[in-house]
Amino acid sequence: MQDINLQLPHILDQIIASLPFLKAELALAVAFLGSIVATLFLDKHWKYCSFVVTVLGIVVSFLCVTSQYCMAVSARYLRYAHRR
């Protein structure tokens, strides 16, 4: 039991450190919920509202993924340059 208590802060630190890498998934979840809300309440007034919300969510998610990819590539480059 004490071993688990000693590892728990380390595990929580890892989870908190990995939260920025979940931005794309969070953007898709918000877009999904926003699309549902738009379909239920706003499509009566503007027919394409849910479509626009969905496309914007996909674009935001794509931008989050590309920024994560750029960060990973630059981190790899910095590690490689540091070894030289």
PDB file of N, CA and C in Angstrom:
ATOM      1  N   MET A   1       0.822  -1.192   0.000  1.00  0.00           N
ATOM      2  CA  MET A   1       0.000   0.000   0.000  1.00  0.00           C
ATOM      3  C   MET A   1       0.869   1.261   0.000  1.00  0.00           C
ATOM      4  N   GLN A   2       1.944   1.233   0.749  1.00  0.00           N
ATOM      5  CA  GLN A   2       2.812   2.397   0.814  1.00  0.00           C
ATOM      6  C   GLN A   2       3.504   2.623  -0.526  1.00  0.00           C
ATOM      7  N   ASP A   3       3.792   1.534  -1.256  1.00  0.00           N
ATOM      8  CA  ASP A   3       4.402   1.665  -2.569  1.00  0.00           C
ATOM      9  C   ASP A   3       3.476   2.409  -3.529  1.00  0.00           C
ATOM     10  N   ILE A   4       2.197   2.143  -3.447  1.00  0.00           N
ATOM     11  CA  ILE A   4       1.230   2.838  -4.301  1.00  0.00           C
ATOM     12  C   ILE A   4       1.173   4.308  -3.926  1.00  0.00           C
ATOM     13  N   ASN A   5       1.200   4.612  -2.640  1.00  0.00           N
ATOM     14  CA  ASN A   5       1.163   6.001  -2.199  1.00  0.00           C
ATOM     15  C   ASN A   5       2.396   6.771  -2.651  1.00  0.00           C
ATOM     16  N   LEU A   6       3.530   6.102  -2.736  1.00  0.00           N
ATOM     17  CA  LEU A   6       4.744   6.768  -3.191  1.00  0.00           C
ATOM     18  C   LEU A   6       4.710   7.019  -4.699  1.00  0.00           C
ATOM     19  N   GLN A   7       4.063   6.144  -5.458  1.00  0.00           N
ATOM     20  CA  GLN A   7       4.013   6.295  -6.904  1.00  0.00           C
ATOM     21  C   GLN A   7       2.904   7.227  -7.367  1.00  0.00           C
ATOM     22  N   LEU A   8       1.895   7.441  -6.544  1.00  0.00           N
ATOM     23  CA  LEU A   8       0.750   8.241  -6.955  1.00  0.00           C
ATOM     24  C   LEU A   8       1.119   9.672  -7.340  1.00  0.00           C
ATOM     25  N   PRO A   9       1.926  10.403  -6.586  1.00  0.00           N
ATOM     26  CA  PRO A   9       2.291  11.764  -7.040  1.00  0.00           C
ATOM     27  C   PRO A   9       3.041  11.764  -8.367  1.00  0.00           C
ATOM     28  N   HIS A  10       3.878  10.761  -8.581  1.00  0.00           N
ATOM     29  CA  HIS A  10       4.607  10.662  -9.837  1.00  0.00           C
ATOM     30  C   HIS A  10       3.638  10.411 -11.002  1.00  0.00           C
ATOM     31  N   ILE A  11       2.673   9.543 -10.798  1.00  0.00           N
ATOM     32  CA  ILE A  11       1.688   9.252 -11.832  1.00  0.00           C
ATOM     33  C   ILE A  11       0.841  10.484 -12.122  1.00  0.00           C
ATOM     34  N   LEU A  12       0.433  11.190 -11.086  1.00  0.00           N
ATOM     35  CA  LEU A  12      -0.358  12.412 -11.283  1.00  0.00           C
ATOM     36  C   LEU A  12       0.443  13.483 -12.010  1.00  0.00           C
ATOM     37  N   ASP A  13       1.720  13.590 -11.724  1.00  0.00           N
ATOM     38  CA  ASP A  13       2.567  14.546 -12.437  1.00  0.00           C
ATOM     39  C   ASP A  13       2.660  14.207 -13.920  1.00  0.00           C
ATOM     40  N   GLN A  14       2.743  12.925 -14.238  1.00  0.00           N
ATOM     41  CA  GLN A  14       2.785  12.507 -15.638  1.00  0.00           C
ATOM     42  C   GLN A  14       1.469  12.821 -16.352  1.00  0.00           C
ATOM     43  N   ILE A  15       0.354  12.612 -15.663  1.00  0.00           N
ATOM     44  CA  ILE A  15      -0.949  12.910 -16.264  1.00  0.00           C
ATOM     45  C   ILE A  15      -1.080  14.402 -16.525  1.00  0.00           C
ATOM     46  N   ILE A  16      -0.693  15.217 -15.566  1.00  0.00           N
ATOM     47  CA  ILE A  16      -0.786  16.665 -15.729  1.00  0.00           C
ATOM     48  C   ILE A  16       0.152  17.142 -16.838  1.00  0.00           C
ATOM     49  N   ALA A  17       1.318  16.541 -16.933  1.00  0.00           N
ATOM     50  CA  ALA A  17       2.266  16.931 -17.978  1.00  0.00           C
ATOM     51  C   ALA A  17       1.769  16.547 -19.371  1.00  0.00           C
ATOM     52  N   SER A  18       0.932  15.518 -19.473  1.00  0.00           N
ATOM     53  CA  SER A  18       0.451  15.078 -20.785  1.00  0.00           C
ATOM     54  C   SER A  18      -0.842  15.765 -21.214  1.00  0.00           C
ATOM     55  N   LEU A  19      -1.438  16.590 -20.375  1.00  0.00           N
ATOM     56  CA  LEU A  19      -2.687  17.263 -20.738  1.00  0.00           C
ATOM     57  C   LEU A  19      -2.575  18.157 -21.973  1.00  0.00           C
ATOM     58  N   PRO A  20      -1.487  18.878 -22.186  1.00  0.00           N
ATOM     59  CA  PRO A  20      -1.416  19.684 -23.414  1.00  0.00           C
ATOM     60  C   PRO A  20      -1.485  18.854 -24.692  1.00  0.00           C
ATOM     61  N   PHE A  21      -1.141  17.593 -24.620  1.00  0.00           N
ATOM     62  CA  PHE A  21      -1.197  16.748 -25.806  1.00  0.00           C
ATOM     63  C   PHE A  21      -2.600  16.223 -26.088  1.00  0.00           C
ATOM     64  N   LEU A  22      -3.565  16.565 -25.265  1.00  0.00           N
ATOM     65  CA  LEU A  22      -4.945  16.158 -25.480  1.00  0.00           C
ATOM     66  C   LEU A  22      -5.797  17.281 -26.058  1.00  0.00           C
ATOM     67  N   LYS A  23      -5.173  18.347 -26.504  1.00  0.00           N
ATOM     68  CA  LYS A  23      -5.926  19.488 -27.022  1.00  0.00           C
ATOM     69  C   LYS A  23      -6.768  19.111 -28.238  1.00  0.00           C
ATOM     70  N   ALA A  24      -6.231  18.309 -29.127  1.00  0.00           N
ATOM     71  CA  ALA A  24      -6.975  17.946 -30.332  1.00  0.00           C
ATOM     72  C   ALA A  24      -8.218  17.130 -29.979  1.00  0.00           C
ATOM     73  N   GLU A  25      -8.068  16.197 -29.055  1.00  0.00           N
ATOM     74  CA  GLU A  25      -9.209  15.382 -28.658  1.00  0.00           C
ATOM     75  C   GLU A  25     -10.254  16.215 -27.929  1.00  0.00           C
ATOM     76  N   LEU A  26      -9.793  17.142 -27.107  1.00  0.00           N
ATOM     77  CA  LEU A  26     -10.737  18.027 -26.416  1.00  0.00           C
ATOM     78  C   LEU A  26     -11.461  18.937 -27.408  1.00  0.00           C
ATOM     79  N   ALA A  27     -10.756  19.399 -28.431  1.00  0.00           N
ATOM     80  CA  ALA A  27     -11.390  20.242 -29.452  1.00  0.00           C
ATOM     81  C   ALA A  27     -12.460  19.457 -30.208  1.00  0.00           C
ATOM     82  N   LEU A  28     -12.178  18.194 -30.510  1.00  0.00           N
ATOM     83  CA  LEU A  28     -13.183  17.379 -31.193  1.00  0.00           C
ATOM     84  C   LEU A  28     -14.388  17.109 -30.301  1.00  0.00           C
ATOM     85  N   ALA A  29     -14.161  16.884 -29.023  1.00  0.00           N
ATOM     86  CA  ALA A  29     -15.268  16.653 -28.105  1.00  0.00           C
ATOM     87  C   ALA A  29     -16.141  17.899 -27.971  1.00  0.00           C
ATOM     88  N   VAL A  30     -15.512  19.066 -27.872  1.00  0.00           N
ATOM     89  CA  VAL A  30     -16.271  20.319 -27.777  1.00  0.00           C
ATOM     90  C   VAL A  30     -17.030  20.572 -29.078  1.00  0.00           C
ATOM     91  N   ALA A  31     -16.408  20.267 -30.208  1.00  0.00           N
ATOM     92  CA  ALA A  31     -17.090  20.442 -31.495  1.00  0.00           C
ATOM     93  C   ALA A  31     -18.276  19.495 -31.607  1.00  0.00           C
ATOM     94  N   PHE A  32     -18.134  18.288 -31.123  1.00  0.00           N
ATOM     95  CA  PHE A  32     -19.234  17.324 -31.161  1.00  0.00           C
ATOM     96  C   PHE A  32     -20.405  17.820 -30.316  1.00  0.00           C
ATOM     97  N   LEU A  33     -20.107  18.267 -29.099  1.00  0.00           N
ATOM     98  CA  LEU A  33     -21.166  18.789 -28.236  1.00  0.00           C
ATOM     99  C   LEU A  33     -21.766  20.076 -28.813  1.00  0.00           C
ATOM    100  N   GLY A  34     -20.913  20.922 -29.368  1.00  0.00           N
ATOM    101  CA  GLY A  34     -21.408  22.144 -30.000  1.00  0.00           C
ATOM    102  C   GLY A  34     -22.281  21.861 -31.206  1.00  0.00           C
ATOM    103  N   SER A  35     -21.941  20.837 -31.955  1.00  0.00           N
ATOM    104  CA  SER A  35     -22.757  20.449 -33.097  1.00  0.00           C
ATOM    105  C   SER A  35     -24.130  19.948 -32.657  1.00  0.00           C
ATOM    106  N   ILE A  36     -24.159  19.204 -31.566  1.00  0.00           N
ATOM    107  CA  ILE A  36     -25.444  18.732 -31.043  1.00  0.00           C
ATOM    108  C   ILE A  36     -26.302  19.906 -30.583  1.00  0.00           C
ATOM    109  N   VAL A  37     -25.695  20.832 -29.855  1.00  0.00           N
ATOM    110  CA  VAL A  37     -26.434  22.013 -29.384  1.00  0.00           C
ATOM    111  C   VAL A  37     -26.913  22.850 -30.565  1.00  0.00           C
ATOM    112  N   ALA A  38     -26.047  23.027 -31.567  1.00  0.00           N
ATOM    113  CA  ALA A  38     -26.427  23.802 -32.741  1.00  0.00           C
ATOM    114  C   ALA A  38     -27.571  23.131 -33.498  1.00  0.00           C
ATOM    115  N   THR A  39     -27.533  21.811 -33.593  1.00  0.00           N
ATOM    116  CA  THR A  39     -28.604  21.096 -34.273  1.00  0.00           C
ATOM    117  C   THR A  39     -29.921  21.245 -33.528  1.00  0.00           C
ATOM    118  N   LEU A  40     -29.874  21.156 -32.212  1.00  0.00           N
ATOM    119  CA  LEU A  40     -31.101  21.218 -31.431  1.00  0.00           C
ATOM    120  C   LEU A  40     -31.710  22.615 -31.389  1.00  0.00           C
ATOM    121  N   PHE A  41     -30.876  23.645 -31.281  1.00  0.00           N
ATOM    122  CA  PHE A  41     -31.412  24.973 -31.010  1.00  0.00           C
ATOM    123  C   PHE A  41     -31.233  25.990 -32.136  1.00  0.00           C
ATOM    124  N   LEU A  42     -30.181  25.884 -32.918  1.00  0.00           N
ATOM    125  CA  LEU A  42     -29.874  26.950 -33.865  1.00  0.00           C
ATOM    126  C   LEU A  42     -30.191  26.619 -35.320  1.00  0.00           C
ATOM    127  N   ASP A  43     -30.361  25.351 -35.654  1.00  0.00           N
ATOM    128  CA  ASP A  43     -30.639  24.996 -37.049  1.00  0.00           C
ATOM    129  C   ASP A  43     -32.003  25.494 -37.520  1.00  0.00           C
ATOM    130  N   LYS A  44     -32.878  25.845 -36.604  1.00  0.00           N
ATOM    131  CA  LYS A  44     -34.180  26.411 -36.997  1.00  0.00           C
ATOM    132  C   LYS A  44     -33.986  27.771 -37.657  1.00  0.00           C
ATOM    133  N   HIS A  45     -33.008  28.520 -37.178  1.00  0.00           N
ATOM    134  CA  HIS A  45     -32.778  29.876 -37.676  1.00  0.00           C
ATOM    135  C   HIS A  45     -31.783  29.913 -38.835  1.00  0.00           C
ATOM    136  N   TRP A  46     -30.774  29.071 -38.767  1.00  0.00           N
ATOM    137  CA  TRP A  46     -29.772  29.022 -39.835  1.00  0.00           C
ATOM    138  C   TRP A  46     -29.483  27.561 -40.131  1.00  0.00           C
ATOM    139  N   LYS A  47     -29.766  27.148 -41.335  1.00  0.00           N
ATOM    140  CA  LYS A  47     -29.764  25.738 -41.704  1.00  0.00           C
ATOM    141  C   LYS A  47     -28.377  25.082 -41.603  1.00  0.00           C
ATOM    142  N   TYR A  48     -27.328  25.836 -41.805  1.00  0.00           N
ATOM    143  CA  TYR A  48     -25.981  25.275 -41.874  1.00  0.00           C
ATOM    144  C   TYR A  48     -25.167  25.459 -40.591  1.00  0.00           C
ATOM    145  N   CYS A  49     -25.803  25.824 -39.524  1.00  0.00           N
ATOM    146  CA  CYS A  49     -25.081  26.122 -38.287  1.00  0.00           C
ATOM    147  C   CYS A  49     -24.324  24.906 -37.748  1.00  0.00           C
ATOM    148  N   SER A  50     -24.976  23.760 -37.705  1.00  0.00           N
ATOM    149  CA  SER A  50     -24.296  22.568 -37.170  1.00  0.00           C
ATOM    150  C   SER A  50     -23.141  22.143 -38.074  1.00  0.00           C
ATOM    151  N   PHE A  51     -23.300  22.318 -39.392  1.00  0.00           N
ATOM    152  CA  PHE A  51     -22.220  21.992 -40.315  1.00  0.00           C
ATOM    153  C   PHE A  51     -21.011  22.898 -40.075  1.00  0.00           C
ATOM    154  N   VAL A  52     -21.257  24.189 -39.902  1.00  0.00           N
ATOM    155  CA  VAL A  52     -20.171  25.148 -39.685  1.00  0.00           C
ATOM    156  C   VAL A  52     -19.468  24.867 -38.362  1.00  0.00           C
ATOM    157  N   VAL A  53     -20.230  24.557 -37.319  1.00  0.00           N
ATOM    158  CA  VAL A  53     -19.628  24.245 -36.017  1.00  0.00           C
ATOM    159  C   VAL A  53     -18.756  22.994 -36.130  1.00  0.00           C
ATOM    160  N   THR A  54     -19.227  21.997 -36.845  1.00  0.00           N
ATOM    161  CA  THR A  54     -18.469  20.754 -37.012  1.00  0.00           C
ATOM    162  C   THR A  54     -17.178  20.992 -37.797  1.00  0.00           C
ATOM    163  N   VAL A  55     -17.271  21.735 -38.885  1.00  0.00           N
ATOM    164  CA  VAL A  55     -16.080  22.008 -39.699  1.00  0.00           C
ATOM    165  C   VAL A  55     -15.075  22.845 -38.916  1.00  0.00           C
ATOM    166  N   LEU A  56     -15.552  23.844 -38.173  1.00  0.00           N
ATOM    167  CA  LEU A  56     -14.639  24.643 -37.356  1.00  0.00           C
ATOM    168  C   LEU A  56     -13.953  23.782 -36.294  1.00  0.00           C
ATOM    169  N   GLY A  57     -14.671  22.848 -35.708  1.00  0.00           N
ATOM    170  CA  GLY A  57     -14.070  21.946 -34.727  1.00  0.00           C
ATOM    171  C   GLY A  57     -12.991  21.073 -35.339  1.00  0.00           C
ATOM    172  N   ILE A  58     -13.248  20.596 -36.541  1.00  0.00           N
ATOM    173  CA  ILE A  58     -12.246  19.768 -37.228  1.00  0.00           C
ATOM    174  C   ILE A  58     -11.014  20.599 -37.573  1.00  0.00           C
ATOM    175  N   VAL A  59     -11.214  21.832 -38.009  1.00  0.00           N
ATOM    176  CA  VAL A  59     -10.082  22.711 -38.353  1.00  0.00           C
ATOM    177  C   VAL A  59      -9.259  23.034 -37.105  1.00  0.00           C
ATOM    178  N   VAL A  60      -9.925  23.355 -36.005  1.00  0.00           N
ATOM    179  CA  VAL A  60      -9.209  23.645 -34.760  1.00  0.00           C
ATOM    180  C   VAL A  60      -8.436  22.419 -34.285  1.00  0.00           C
ATOM    181  N   SER A  61      -9.053  21.254 -34.391  1.00  0.00           N
ATOM    182  CA  SER A  61      -8.376  20.018 -34.005  1.00  0.00           C
ATOM    183  C   SER A  61      -7.151  19.763 -34.889  1.00  0.00           C
ATOM    184  N   PHE A  62      -7.295  20.010 -36.180  1.00  0.00           N
ATOM    185  CA  PHE A  62      -6.164  19.843 -37.099  1.00  0.00           C
ATOM    186  C   PHE A  62      -5.030  20.798 -36.747  1.00  0.00           C
ATOM    187  N   LEU A  63      -5.362  22.033 -36.405  1.00  0.00           N
ATOM    188  CA  LEU A  63      -4.330  23.003 -36.018  1.00  0.00           C
ATOM    189  C   LEU A  63      -3.627  22.579 -34.726  1.00  0.00           C
ATOM    190  N   CYS A  64      -4.380  22.005 -33.806  1.00  0.00           N
ATOM    191  CA  CYS A  64      -3.763  21.510 -32.570  1.00  0.00           C
ATOM    192  C   CYS A  64      -2.812  20.353 -32.857  1.00  0.00           C
ATOM    193  N   VAL A  65      -3.214  19.474 -33.748  1.00  0.00           N
ATOM    194  CA  VAL A  65      -2.354  18.332 -34.096  1.00  0.00           C
ATOM    195  C   VAL A  65      -1.088  18.811 -34.785  1.00  0.00           C
ATOM    196  N   THR A  66      -1.209  19.764 -35.709  1.00  0.00           N
ATOM    197  CA  THR A  66      -0.011  20.244 -36.403  1.00  0.00           C
ATOM    198  C   THR A  66       0.924  20.983 -35.450  1.00  0.00           C
ATOM    199  N   SER A  67       0.370  21.714 -34.493  1.00  0.00           N
ATOM    200  CA  SER A  67       1.251  22.393 -33.535  1.00  0.00           C
ATOM    201  C   SER A  67       1.967  21.377 -32.650  1.00  0.00           C
ATOM    202  N   GLN A  68       1.286  20.294 -32.293  1.00  0.00           N
ATOM    203  CA  GLN A  68       1.941  19.243 -31.512  1.00  0.00           C
ATOM    204  C   GLN A  68       3.028  18.569 -32.335  1.00  0.00           C
ATOM    205  N   TYR A  69       2.764  18.352 -33.617  1.00  0.00           N
ATOM    206  CA  TYR A  69       3.758  17.724 -34.481  1.00  0.00           C
ATOM    207  C   TYR A  69       4.978  18.626 -34.621  1.00  0.00           C
ATOM    208  N   CYS A  70       4.748  19.929 -34.780  1.00  0.00           N
ATOM    209  CA  CYS A  70       5.864  20.868 -34.903  1.00  0.00           C
ATOM    210  C   CYS A  70       6.691  20.900 -33.624  1.00  0.00           C
ATOM    211  N   MET A  71       6.019  20.822 -32.474  1.00  0.00           N
ATOM    212  CA  MET A  71       6.749  20.804 -31.206  1.00  0.00           C
ATOM    213  C   MET A  71       7.587  19.533 -31.095  1.00  0.00           C
ATOM    214  N   ALA A  72       7.040  18.404 -31.527  1.00  0.00           N
ATOM    215  CA  ALA A  72       7.777  17.143 -31.442  1.00  0.00           C
ATOM    216  C   ALA A  72       8.980  17.148 -32.378  1.00  0.00           C
ATOM    217  N   VAL A  73       8.800  17.674 -33.574  1.00  0.00           N
ATOM    218  CA  VAL A  73       9.908  17.726 -34.531  1.00  0.00           C
ATOM    219  C   VAL A  73      11.002  18.649 -34.019  1.00  0.00           C
ATOM    220  N   SER A  74      10.630  19.813 -33.479  1.00  0.00           N
ATOM    221  CA  SER A  74      11.650  20.726 -32.978  1.00  0.00           C
ATOM    222  C   SER A  74      12.350  20.149 -31.751  1.00  0.00           C
ATOM    223  N   ALA A  75      11.635  19.402 -30.922  1.00  0.00           N
ATOM    224  CA  ALA A  75      12.268  18.767 -29.760  1.00  0.00           C
ATOM    225  C   ALA A  75      13.275  17.713 -30.218  1.00  0.00           C
ATOM    226  N   ARG A  76      12.907  16.940 -31.248  1.00  0.00           N
ATOM    227  CA  ARG A  76      13.840  15.945 -31.780  1.00  0.00           C
ATOM    228  C   ARG A  76      15.064  16.633 -32.370  1.00  0.00           C
ATOM    229  N   TYR A  77      14.856  17.744 -33.074  1.00  0.00           N
ATOM    230  CA  TYR A  77      15.973  18.473 -33.661  1.00  0.00           C
ATOM    231  C   TYR A  77      16.886  19.020 -32.569  1.00  0.00           C
ATOM    232  N   LEU A  78      16.303  19.565 -31.511  1.00  0.00           N
ATOM    233  CA  LEU A  78      17.120  20.103 -30.430  1.00  0.00           C
ATOM    234  C   LEU A  78      17.916  19.002 -29.739  1.00  0.00           C
ATOM    235  N   ARG A  79      17.305  17.830 -29.560  1.00  0.00           N
ATOM    236  CA  ARG A  79      18.041  16.714 -28.964  1.00  0.00           C
ATOM    237  C   ARG A  79      19.188  16.280 -29.864  1.00  0.00           C
ATOM    238  N   TYR A  80      18.937  16.239 -31.178  1.00  0.00           N
ATOM    239  CA  TYR A  80      19.980  15.836 -32.117  1.00  0.00           C
ATOM    240  C   TYR A  80      21.107  16.870 -32.146  1.00  0.00           C
ATOM    241  N   ALA A  81      20.746  18.153 -32.138  1.00  0.00           N
ATOM    242  CA  ALA A  81      21.765  19.201 -32.183  1.00  0.00           C
ATOM    243  C   ALA A  81      22.575  19.235 -30.900  1.00  0.00           C
ATOM    244  N   HIS A  82      21.957  18.894 -29.801  1.00  0.00           N
ATOM    245  CA  HIS A  82      22.642  18.892 -28.516  1.00  0.00           C
ATOM    246  C   HIS A  82      23.689  17.754 -28.460  1.00  0.00           C
ATOM    247  N   ARG A  83      23.414  16.653 -29.125  1.00  0.00           N
ATOM    248  CA  ARG A  83      24.350  15.499 -29.121  1.00  0.00           C
ATOM    249  C   ARG A  83      25.604  15.799 -29.917  1.00  0.00           C
ATOM    250  N   ARG A  84      25.486  16.638 -30.895  1.00  0.00           N
ATOM    251  CA  ARG A  84      26.642  16.924 -31.765  1.00  0.00           C
ATOM    252  C   ARG A  84      27.631  17.674 -31.015  1.00  0.00           C
TER     253      ARG A  84
END
